[in-house]
Amino acid sequence: MKTSQRFFHQLLMLYRPFENRLVLLLSKHNIQRAQMSILYYLFNFDTATLVELSSYQGVEKPTITRTVHQLKELGYIEQVPSQDKREKRIQLSDLGRKVYKEVRVTLDQFEENILEGISEAEQLEAIRVMSEIRNNLIGKSF
């Protein structure tokens, strides 16, 4: 079997159990994975437009719109004024920031547990490799 085949097979074998466990942990906080991804982005990048979020997640704008609407209803995000009146920027509310930090404690422990025995250098190399693969995937037509 080619190395590339083994690589992507292992990626697929990792993805499903990781996703299943992540969804379970998030459900204990009444958060969906898509919601958490938006909270993560806003926590780390302060504000965003729906276009920026859809580009970041690689999903269609209507999908982001639904998730953002849910987060607004929960009181986790709020709209902020923008210089361009046509542009709608959002940010975490105080409640959203509090909830994100609480969920992050659970996720930090989970991530620490599943990365046990993997050095920081190895983690950084894996991040580099995954970023390069994503850039190749997005930047090239097949």
Protein backbone atom coordinates (compact mmCIF):
# COMPACT_ATOMS: atom_id res chain seq x y z
CA MET A 1 0.00 0.00 0.00
CA LYS A 2 1.29 3.46 -0.89
CA THR A 3 2.21 5.82 1.93
CA SER A 4 -0.34 8.38 0.75
CA GLN A 5 -3.06 5.72 0.89
CA ARG A 6 -2.06 4.77 4.42
CA PHE A 7 -1.93 8.45 5.42
CA PHE A 8 -5.47 9.22 4.27
CA HIS A 9 -6.80 5.94 5.59
CA GLN A 10 -5.44 6.84 9.03
CA LEU A 11 -6.94 10.32 8.70
CA LEU A 12 -10.36 8.81 8.02
CA MET A 13 -9.92 6.31 10.86
CA LEU A 14 -9.13 9.20 13.22
CA TYR A 15 -11.85 11.57 12.08
CA ARG A 16 -15.00 9.59 12.96
CA PRO A 17 -14.11 8.62 16.56
CA PHE A 18 -12.79 12.14 17.19
CA GLU A 19 -15.95 13.72 15.80
CA ASN A 20 -18.22 11.34 17.74
CA ARG A 21 -16.46 12.04 21.04
CA LEU A 22 -16.36 15.77 20.38
CA VAL A 23 -20.10 15.88 19.66
CA LEU A 24 -20.77 13.96 22.89
CA LEU A 25 -18.65 16.33 24.97
CA LEU A 26 -20.21 19.40 23.39
CA SER A 27 -23.72 18.05 23.96
CA LYS A 28 -23.03 18.11 27.71
CA HIS A 29 -22.78 21.90 27.30
CA ASN A 30 -25.79 22.07 24.93
CA ILE A 31 -23.52 23.19 22.09
CA GLN A 32 -23.35 21.79 18.57
CA ARG A 33 -20.03 21.34 16.79
CA ALA A 34 -20.85 23.97 14.15
CA GLN A 35 -21.78 26.43 16.90
CA MET A 36 -18.53 25.75 18.73
CA SER A 37 -16.54 26.39 15.56
CA ILE A 38 -18.09 29.85 15.27
CA LEU A 39 -17.55 30.56 18.97
CA TYR A 40 -13.91 29.48 18.53
CA TYR A 41 -13.42 31.80 15.57
CA LEU A 42 -15.01 34.78 17.31
CA PHE A 43 -13.10 34.16 20.54
CA ASN A 44 -9.80 34.08 18.66
CA PHE A 45 -10.45 36.70 15.95
CA ASP A 46 -12.89 39.07 17.77
CA THR A 47 -15.39 39.80 14.99
CA ALA A 48 -16.47 38.30 11.69
CA THR A 49 -18.91 38.57 8.83
CA LEU A 50 -21.00 35.66 7.62
CA VAL A 51 -18.83 35.50 4.50
CA GLU A 52 -15.65 35.26 6.59
CA LEU A 53 -17.18 32.49 8.71
CA SER A 54 -18.40 30.52 5.69
CA SER A 55 -14.98 30.79 4.08
CA TYR A 56 -13.25 29.73 7.30
CA GLN A 57 -15.46 26.68 7.74
CA GLY A 58 -15.67 25.84 4.05
CA VAL A 59 -19.48 25.76 4.06
CA GLU A 60 -22.19 27.71 2.27
CA LYS A 61 -23.37 31.02 3.68
CA PRO A 62 -26.94 29.76 4.38
CA THR A 63 -25.49 27.08 6.66
CA ILE A 64 -23.57 29.73 8.61
CA THR A 65 -26.64 31.98 8.68
CA ARG A 66 -28.72 29.29 10.41
CA THR A 67 -26.02 28.57 12.98
CA VAL A 68 -25.45 32.27 13.67
CA HIS A 69 -29.19 32.73 14.13
CA GLN A 70 -29.21 29.91 16.72
CA LEU A 71 -26.28 31.51 18.56
CA LYS A 72 -28.04 34.90 18.57
CA GLU A 73 -31.17 33.29 20.04
CA LEU A 74 -29.03 31.74 22.79
CA GLY A 75 -27.53 35.16 23.50
CA TYR A 76 -23.99 34.00 22.70
CA ILE A 77 -23.29 36.46 19.89
CA GLU A 78 -24.30 40.00 19.02
CA GLN A 79 -24.12 42.24 16.01
CA VAL A 80 -21.59 45.07 16.10
CA PRO A 81 -21.56 48.30 14.07
CA SER A 82 -19.50 48.27 10.89
CA GLN A 83 -18.18 51.08 8.71
CA ASP A 84 -19.93 49.47 5.74
CA LYS A 85 -23.67 49.57 6.44
CA ARG A 86 -24.23 46.54 4.17
CA GLU A 87 -21.77 44.44 6.16
CA LYS A 88 -23.02 42.68 9.28
CA ARG A 89 -20.26 41.93 11.77
CA ILE A 90 -20.80 39.75 14.81
CA GLN A 91 -18.88 39.16 18.00
CA LEU A 92 -19.23 37.11 21.15
CA SER A 93 -21.47 38.55 23.82
CA ASP A 94 -20.33 38.45 27.44
CA LEU A 95 -22.44 35.30 27.87
CA GLY A 96 -20.91 33.76 24.74
CA ARG A 97 -17.40 34.45 26.02
CA LYS A 98 -18.28 32.86 29.37
CA VAL A 99 -19.81 29.78 27.72
CA TYR A 100 -16.86 29.42 25.35
CA LYS A 101 -14.40 29.45 28.25
CA GLU A 102 -16.44 26.82 30.14
CA VAL A 103 -16.63 24.52 27.11
CA ARG A 104 -12.95 25.12 26.40
CA VAL A 105 -12.02 23.61 29.80
CA THR A 106 -13.76 20.35 28.78
CA LEU A 107 -12.17 20.36 25.32
CA ASP A 108 -8.70 21.19 26.65
CA GLN A 109 -8.83 18.12 28.91
CA PHE A 110 -10.10 15.94 26.06
CA GLU A 111 -7.41 17.16 23.68
CA GLU A 112 -4.71 16.75 26.30
CA ASN A 113 -5.82 13.16 26.89
CA ILE A 114 -5.85 12.16 23.23
CA LEU A 115 -2.49 13.81 22.56
CA GLU A 116 -0.83 11.94 25.42
CA GLY A 117 2.61 10.71 24.38
CA ILE A 118 2.85 13.09 21.42
CA SER A 119 5.44 15.82 21.91
CA GLU A 120 4.78 19.47 21.22
CA ALA A 121 7.28 19.31 18.35
CA GLU A 122 5.35 16.39 16.82
CA GLN A 123 2.08 18.28 17.27
CA LEU A 124 3.55 21.36 15.56
CA GLU A 125 4.79 19.22 12.67
CA ALA A 126 1.35 17.62 12.31
CA ILE A 127 -0.24 21.09 12.29
CA ARG A 128 2.19 22.17 9.56
CA VAL A 129 1.45 19.08 7.47
CA MET A 130 -2.33 19.42 7.85
CA SER A 131 -2.15 23.11 6.90
CA GLU A 132 -0.13 22.31 3.81
CA ILE A 133 -2.59 19.58 2.77
CA ARG A 134 -5.52 21.97 3.26
CA ASN A 135 -3.78 24.65 1.20
CA ASN A 136 -3.17 22.11 -1.57
CA LEU A 137 -6.76 20.95 -1.41
CA ILE A 138 -8.27 24.43 -1.53
CA GLY A 139 -5.74 26.06 -3.83
CA LYS A 140 -5.72 23.53 -6.67
CA SER A 141 -8.33 22.33 -9.09
CA PHE A 142 -8.54 18.61 -9.73
